[in-house]
């Protein structure tokens, strides 16, 4: 896999990042319980927009990606929920080595773009089981999703599917989806409290451990306002480390991510070829 497709895959993973729920749980001392609590039968949408600058050996890439995904919630076992995740819109702009590419699934005039393969995602879906603490415990439908992205009449269909499966498979979709939900504390929290989570992000030759610390800054008007700092430790063929900081707004009743702004920087480890990736991500959640 080329360095370009690897970084594009990482950007997609960052985006593959809610509905009415029950009443907010609060203790007598004013602490709130934050958890995924969107009621079965409801739907929500996450719209994720990212801008990214990549400076790697022999390559400088500027790209932006927009991905809109819908989540249909059904009852699951215990406190878990069954979610059907559907792709509503995919758009991408890329500039590298003097070449400009653009694709938007909502703009038919871009249908001949080399990036148009991404558009095959639109209207497709997969299913996950999500705990109330934001952990993805199972996923299904990924093979069918991959099959839908490749034209079987293409003589290179087998090779194309094999290439796609390196950046989109059960493991990568599970980890990237969990990135949007693994934000909740284990116990009730009050303003000033902090908690930590750890997730793994796998995308082709990229594998990263993300250790995040969240802080509840305030609670007002039905929303919890959080700050987050993360340390990203890379492993695998492309060994990179990084940090990210940002803010999140979470609905206290549903646990839905209403708004999130994240700034992320990744750099290659000492001794590795010099590379740096700077990414800014904005996610908004909307009830349907």
Foldseek 3Di string as FASTA:
>chain_A
DDPVVQVVLVVVLLPLEFAFFADWDADPVGFTFFWAGHDAQWKKKKWKKKWKWKDFVVKTKTKIKIWMKMWHWHDDPDQKIKIKIATAKIWMWMDMPNDIFIDILVDVVNCPTPPNLVNLRHPDIWMFIAHRQLATPFIDDQVVSLVSSFDPVDPCRVVVSVVVCLFGDRVQSRQSHSVNRNPGDPDTDAAFDKDWDWTWHHGRQKIKIKIKMKGFHHDDPQKTKIKMKIWIFIDGPQGKIKIKIWIWIARSRRSDTAKIWMWMKIFGDPPDGTMIMTMIMIMGMGID
